[in-house]
Amino acid sequence: MSSNSNDVFGDFANFFKQLFALDTPDQIGTFFQQYWYVWLIISIGVVALIVVNTLICCYFCHHRKLNEIDPKTGEKRLHNKDWGIAKPTQTLFVPIERNSQEDVENPLMIDDYDDSKFSVEALMSHNAYRIQHGAPPLQQNEYLNKAATDWARQLVNMNQLKHSPDQWRRYKGSVLGENLAYFIGPVLKGDRLTETWYRESQRHDFNADLQENSLHFSQLVWKSTKEVGFGRCQTQDKKQWYGVALYYPPGNFPNQYAANVQALSPLEEYRLA
C-alpha cells in the first residue's frame, strides 16, 4: 500500500483509491491505522447528524401540538401537554343539596351574603373540619378563588355539572384538586357547601385507600393540601347554584391515603366543642 502523504483531505482520489483496493486483512488494518482520524471525524459527524435530526423532529412535533387549533373555539391549545403533570382522582358523583324547611321560611338574601363572605365562611368551615382530622389549616388563594368562580360561571352557562378540563386547573406544575356541588335554594353558603362534602366521611373507611364514594371528603381533609379557592354562581332563574372549590397541592392520590386522611380525633372534637 502506498503512503506518500498523510494529507487525506488534499488527496481524496488517492484515499478512495486505496480504500477500494483493500484485499487482505493486513491491508485493511494498515489502512485504518493510517487514516484513523478520518474515521473518527466521520463517526462524530454521523452521530451529530442523528442528534440534530432527532431534535428537529421533536421540536416540530411539539410545536405542532402547542399550536393545534381547537375546532370549537378556533384558539390554539397551548395547554394540552401532559408531561410531568400530577392528576388527582376526581369523583363522577356530585352532591345535590336543597334548602331545609327553616331556610325556606327565613331565606337569606343574596345582597346580605356576597362572594367574599361565602369564601371566608367556606375556608373557616374547611379548617374546622381539617383540625378535627389532624390536617393543618388551609390558606385562601385569590387566584384559586377567581379560577373557581370562573368555572362555576361556565357550569351555569353549560347548564351541566362536570369537572373542569385539566388545562383549566393547571397550576404550578400540577392539576388542581376540585370539588363540585349543585345547590337548590336562594343562597349558597360556605358552611353548607363544606358540610355537603364532609358528610361523605360517614361512609369513608379510614383503613382503606382510594374510595370513589368519598373523594370530596378526602380532598377536603387531605393533609398535604395547603391552599384553596372557592367559587359559586347562581343560575338565571335565581333558584339554583353551582359551587366549586380548587385545592393546591391536589389530593386523592392512590397509596397516599394513610398519610393524608386521618380518622376523626376525639381529642380535637373535644377541643372544638
Protein backbone atom coordinates (compact mmCIF):
# COMPACT_ATOMS: atom_id res chain seq x y z
CA MET A 1 0.00 0.00 0.00
CA SER A 2 1.36 3.41 -0.93
CA SER A 3 1.63 6.06 1.82
CA ASN A 4 3.19 9.03 0.08
CA SER A 5 1.14 11.54 2.04
CA ASN A 6 -0.85 11.71 5.25
CA ASP A 7 -2.84 14.68 3.94
CA VAL A 8 -6.06 12.83 3.19
CA PHE A 9 -8.10 15.98 2.57
CA GLY A 10 -5.57 17.10 -0.01
CA ASP A 11 -5.70 13.86 -1.95
CA PHE A 12 -9.23 12.41 -1.89
CA ALA A 13 -8.58 10.42 -5.07
CA ASN A 14 -5.64 8.59 -3.50
CA PHE A 15 -7.64 7.97 -0.32
CA PHE A 16 -10.59 6.35 -2.09
CA LYS A 17 -8.25 4.51 -4.50
CA GLN A 18 -6.55 2.84 -1.53
CA LEU A 19 -9.92 2.22 0.14
CA PHE A 20 -11.35 0.29 -2.79
CA ALA A 21 -8.07 -1.61 -3.31
CA LEU A 22 -8.15 -3.27 0.09
CA ASP A 23 -7.94 -7.07 -0.33
CA THR A 24 -6.30 -8.60 2.73
CA PRO A 25 -6.83 -8.17 6.48
CA ASP A 26 -3.33 -6.74 6.78
CA GLN A 27 -4.11 -4.03 4.21
CA ILE A 28 -7.37 -3.17 5.99
CA GLY A 29 -5.61 -2.94 9.35
CA THR A 30 -2.83 -0.74 7.96
CA PHE A 31 -5.34 1.50 6.17
CA PHE A 32 -7.42 2.09 9.29
CA GLN A 33 -4.34 2.80 11.37
CA GLN A 34 -3.08 5.31 8.83
CA TYR A 35 -6.40 7.14 8.48
CA TRP A 36 -7.84 6.65 11.98
CA TYR A 37 -8.61 10.36 12.42
CA VAL A 38 -10.73 10.37 9.25
CA TRP A 39 -12.98 7.64 10.63
CA LEU A 40 -13.19 9.46 13.96
CA ILE A 41 -14.34 12.64 12.22
CA ILE A 42 -16.86 10.70 10.11
CA SER A 43 -18.24 8.89 13.18
CA ILE A 44 -18.63 12.13 15.13
CA GLY A 45 -20.32 13.72 12.13
CA VAL A 46 -22.80 10.84 11.76
CA VAL A 47 -23.68 10.93 15.48
CA ALA A 48 -24.09 14.72 15.40
CA LEU A 49 -26.32 14.44 12.33
CA ILE A 50 -28.56 11.89 14.04
CA VAL A 51 -28.84 14.03 17.19
CA VAL A 52 -29.65 17.19 15.21
CA ASN A 53 -32.31 15.43 13.15
CA THR A 54 -33.88 13.94 16.28
CA LEU A 55 -34.03 17.37 17.95
CA ILE A 56 -35.57 18.93 14.85
CA CYS A 57 -38.26 16.23 14.69
CA CYS A 58 -39.06 16.65 18.41
CA TYR A 59 -39.27 20.42 18.06
CA PHE A 60 -41.68 20.35 15.15
CA CYS A 61 -43.87 17.68 16.76
CA HIS A 62 -44.02 19.72 19.97
CA HIS A 63 -44.56 22.98 18.08
CA ARG A 64 -47.40 21.47 16.07
CA LYS A 65 -49.06 20.19 19.24
CA LEU A 66 -48.79 23.53 21.00
CA ASN A 67 -50.27 25.32 18.01
CA GLU A 68 -53.07 22.85 17.39
CA ILE A 69 -56.34 24.68 16.75
CA ASP A 70 -59.36 23.82 18.85
CA PRO A 71 -62.21 23.30 16.35
CA LYS A 72 -64.78 24.51 18.90
CA THR A 73 -63.17 27.81 19.84
CA GLY A 74 -60.74 28.42 16.97
CA GLU A 75 -57.99 29.11 19.53
CA LYS A 76 -54.62 27.45 19.95
CA ARG A 77 -54.45 24.66 22.51
CA LEU A 78 -51.47 26.00 24.40
CA HIS A 79 -52.05 23.85 27.47
CA ASN A 80 -52.64 20.35 26.18
CA LYS A 81 -49.21 18.99 27.10
CA ASP A 82 -49.34 16.48 29.96
CA TRP A 83 -45.62 15.89 30.63
CA GLY A 84 -44.95 15.68 34.36
CA ILE A 85 -48.47 16.77 35.36
CA ALA A 86 -49.81 15.13 38.51
CA LYS A 87 -53.53 14.37 38.14
CA PRO A 88 -55.72 13.72 41.20
CA THR A 89 -58.64 11.32 41.02
CA GLN A 90 -61.95 13.13 40.58
CA THR A 91 -65.34 11.73 41.52
CA LEU A 92 -68.15 11.46 38.98
CA PHE A 93 -70.72 11.69 41.76
CA VAL A 94 -71.59 15.32 42.56
CA PRO A 95 -73.88 16.07 45.52
CA ILE A 96 -77.14 17.98 45.08
CA GLU A 97 -78.47 19.88 48.07
CA ARG A 98 -81.81 21.51 48.89
CA ASN A 99 -82.75 24.09 51.49
CA SER A 100 -84.16 22.82 54.75
CA GLN A 101 -87.64 23.96 55.77
CA GLU A 102 -86.35 26.66 58.13
CA ASP A 103 -84.19 28.09 55.34
CA VAL A 104 -87.24 28.45 53.11
CA GLU A 105 -89.21 30.22 55.83
CA ASN A 106 -86.33 32.61 56.64
CA PRO A 107 -84.41 32.99 53.39
CA LEU A 108 -81.06 34.78 53.40
CA MET A 109 -80.94 37.46 50.72
CA ILE A 110 -78.03 37.44 48.28
CA ASP A 111 -77.28 41.11 48.97
CA ASP A 112 -76.59 40.19 52.61
CA TYR A 113 -74.12 37.46 51.71
CA ASP A 114 -71.63 38.34 48.97
CA ASP A 115 -68.89 36.19 47.45
CA SER A 116 -66.24 37.37 49.91
CA LYS A 117 -68.34 36.27 52.88
CA PHE A 118 -69.05 33.00 51.11
CA SER A 119 -65.35 32.21 50.56
CA VAL A 120 -64.34 33.20 54.10
CA GLU A 121 -67.08 31.07 55.62
CA ALA A 122 -66.15 28.14 53.39
CA LEU A 123 -62.50 28.48 54.42
CA MET A 124 -63.34 28.62 58.13
CA SER A 125 -65.61 25.58 57.96
CA HIS A 126 -62.99 23.68 55.91
CA ASN A 127 -60.32 24.39 58.52
CA ALA A 128 -62.63 23.46 61.40
CA TYR A 129 -63.12 20.01 59.90
CA ARG A 130 -59.44 19.66 58.94
CA ILE A 131 -58.29 20.30 62.50
CA GLN A 132 -60.54 17.51 63.72
CA HIS A 133 -58.78 15.15 61.30
CA GLY A 134 -55.23 16.21 62.16
CA ALA A 135 -54.73 18.30 59.00
CA PRO A 136 -53.20 21.81 59.06
CA PRO A 137 -55.45 24.75 58.13
CA LEU A 138 -55.67 25.89 54.54
CA GLN A 139 -54.77 29.34 53.26
CA GLN A 140 -57.08 31.15 50.88
CA ASN A 141 -55.61 31.84 47.43
CA GLU A 142 -57.18 34.68 45.44
CA TYR A 143 -56.09 33.21 42.13
CA LEU A 144 -57.83 29.94 43.01
CA ASN A 145 -60.90 31.91 44.11
CA LYS A 146 -61.08 33.53 40.69
CA ALA A 147 -60.49 30.25 38.83
CA ALA A 148 -63.18 28.50 40.89
CA THR A 149 -65.65 31.34 40.28
CA ASP A 150 -64.90 31.31 36.55
CA TRP A 151 -65.60 27.59 36.33
CA ALA A 152 -68.82 27.97 38.34
CA ARG A 153 -69.94 30.52 35.75
CA GLN A 154 -69.03 28.10 32.98
CA LEU A 155 -71.19 25.45 34.62
CA VAL A 156 -74.15 27.84 34.67
CA ASN A 157 -73.61 28.68 31.00
CA MET A 158 -73.40 24.99 30.07
CA ASN A 159 -76.26 24.06 32.40
CA GLN A 160 -74.24 20.96 33.18
CA LEU A 161 -72.36 19.75 36.23
CA LYS A 162 -68.95 18.32 35.36
CA HIS A 163 -65.30 18.69 36.34
CA SER A 164 -63.22 21.29 34.56
CA PRO A 165 -60.70 20.11 31.94
CA ASP A 166 -57.09 19.60 33.02
CA GLN A 167 -55.87 22.74 31.25
CA TRP A 168 -58.30 24.82 33.29
CA ARG A 169 -56.76 23.58 36.52
CA ARG A 170 -53.05 23.67 35.63
CA TYR A 171 -51.23 25.46 38.43
CA LYS A 172 -47.56 25.33 39.49
CA GLY A 173 -46.80 22.07 37.70
CA SER A 174 -49.87 20.09 38.78
CA VAL A 175 -53.58 19.74 38.12
CA LEU A 176 -55.57 21.27 40.98
CA GLY A 177 -57.92 19.15 43.05
CA GLU A 178 -61.56 20.08 42.52
CA ASN A 179 -64.81 19.60 44.46
CA LEU A 180 -68.20 20.41 42.94
CA ALA A 181 -71.76 20.70 44.23
CA TYR A 182 -75.18 21.68 42.90
CA PHE A 183 -77.40 23.53 45.36
CA ILE A 184 -81.11 24.32 45.10
CA GLY A 185 -82.12 27.39 47.09
CA PRO A 186 -81.92 31.18 47.28
CA VAL A 187 -78.34 31.45 48.60
CA LEU A 188 -75.37 29.06 48.62
CA LYS A 189 -73.43 29.50 51.87
CA GLY A 190 -69.86 28.47 52.51
CA ASP A 191 -70.58 26.30 55.53
CA ARG A 192 -73.40 24.47 53.74
CA LEU A 193 -71.11 23.76 50.78
CA THR A 194 -68.41 22.37 53.08
CA GLU A 195 -70.88 20.32 55.11
CA THR A 196 -72.22 18.73 51.93
CA TRP A 197 -68.80 17.33 51.10
CA TYR A 198 -67.88 16.46 54.67
CA ARG A 199 -70.91 14.19 55.11
CA GLU A 200 -69.12 11.67 52.90
CA SER A 201 -66.92 10.92 55.94
CA GLN A 202 -69.77 8.75 57.25
CA ARG A 203 -69.10 6.20 54.51
CA HIS A 204 -65.30 6.57 54.36
CA ASP A 205 -63.19 3.62 55.50
CA PHE A 206 -60.06 5.06 57.11
CA ASN A 207 -58.31 1.70 56.90
CA ALA A 208 -58.61 1.56 53.10
CA ASP A 209 -57.03 3.51 50.27
CA LEU A 210 -58.76 5.41 47.46
CA GLN A 211 -62.57 5.22 47.66
CA GLU A 212 -64.81 6.50 44.88
CA ASN A 213 -67.73 7.34 47.18
CA SER A 214 -65.86 9.76 49.46
CA LEU A 215 -63.47 11.69 47.24
CA HIS A 216 -64.97 15.08 48.17
CA PHE A 217 -64.36 14.40 51.85
CA SER A 218 -60.84 13.03 51.40
CA GLN A 219 -59.83 16.10 49.36
CA LEU A 220 -61.33 18.39 52.00
CA VAL A 221 -59.15 16.93 54.81
CA TRP A 222 -56.10 15.95 52.69
CA LYS A 223 -53.11 16.86 54.88
CA SER A 224 -50.70 17.78 52.06
CA THR A 225 -53.07 20.38 50.60
CA LYS A 226 -52.02 23.92 51.57
CA GLU A 227 -54.15 26.40 49.59
CA VAL A 228 -57.75 26.60 48.48
CA GLY A 229 -60.10 28.78 46.45
CA PHE A 230 -63.90 28.88 46.40
CA GLY A 231 -66.35 30.00 43.77
CA ARG A 232 -70.10 29.96 43.19
CA CYS A 233 -72.57 31.13 40.56
CA GLN A 234 -76.35 31.42 40.56
CA THR A 235 -78.50 30.36 37.63
CA GLN A 236 -80.57 32.90 35.75
CA ASP A 237 -83.82 31.74 37.36
CA LYS A 238 -82.31 32.55 40.78
CA LYS A 239 -83.20 29.11 42.10
CA GLN A 240 -80.01 27.05 41.74
CA TRP A 241 -76.31 27.43 42.49
CA TYR A 242 -73.13 25.76 41.32
CA GLY A 243 -70.34 25.57 43.88
CA VAL A 244 -66.64 24.92 43.15
CA ALA A 245 -63.54 24.52 45.31
CA LEU A 246 -59.99 24.22 43.98
CA TYR A 247 -57.14 22.75 46.05
CA TYR A 248 -53.35 23.04 45.82
CA PRO A 249 -51.46 20.78 46.04
CA PRO A 250 -54.16 18.32 45.00
CA GLY A 251 -55.19 15.27 46.98
CA ASN A 252 -56.80 11.91 46.23
CA PHE A 253 -53.70 10.08 45.03
CA PRO A 254 -53.63 6.29 45.41
CA ASN A 255 -51.29 4.83 48.04
CA GLN A 256 -51.17 8.16 49.92
CA TYR A 257 -54.37 7.97 51.96
CA ALA A 258 -52.82 6.56 55.12
CA ALA A 259 -50.56 9.61 55.42
CA ASN A 260 -53.10 12.22 54.34
CA VAL A 261 -56.58 11.20 55.52
CA GLN A 262 -56.84 10.58 59.25
CA ALA A 263 -59.84 9.47 61.28
CA LEU A 264 -61.70 11.93 63.49
CA SER A 265 -59.71 12.61 66.65
CA PRO A 266 -61.81 12.55 69.87
CA LEU A 267 -59.35 14.99 71.43
CA GLU A 268 -59.72 17.51 68.61
CA GLU A 269 -63.51 17.14 68.70
CA TYR A 270 -63.46 17.93 72.41
CA ARG A 271 -61.24 20.97 71.92
CA LEU A 272 -63.60 22.46 69.33
CA ALA A 273 -66.71 21.90 71.47
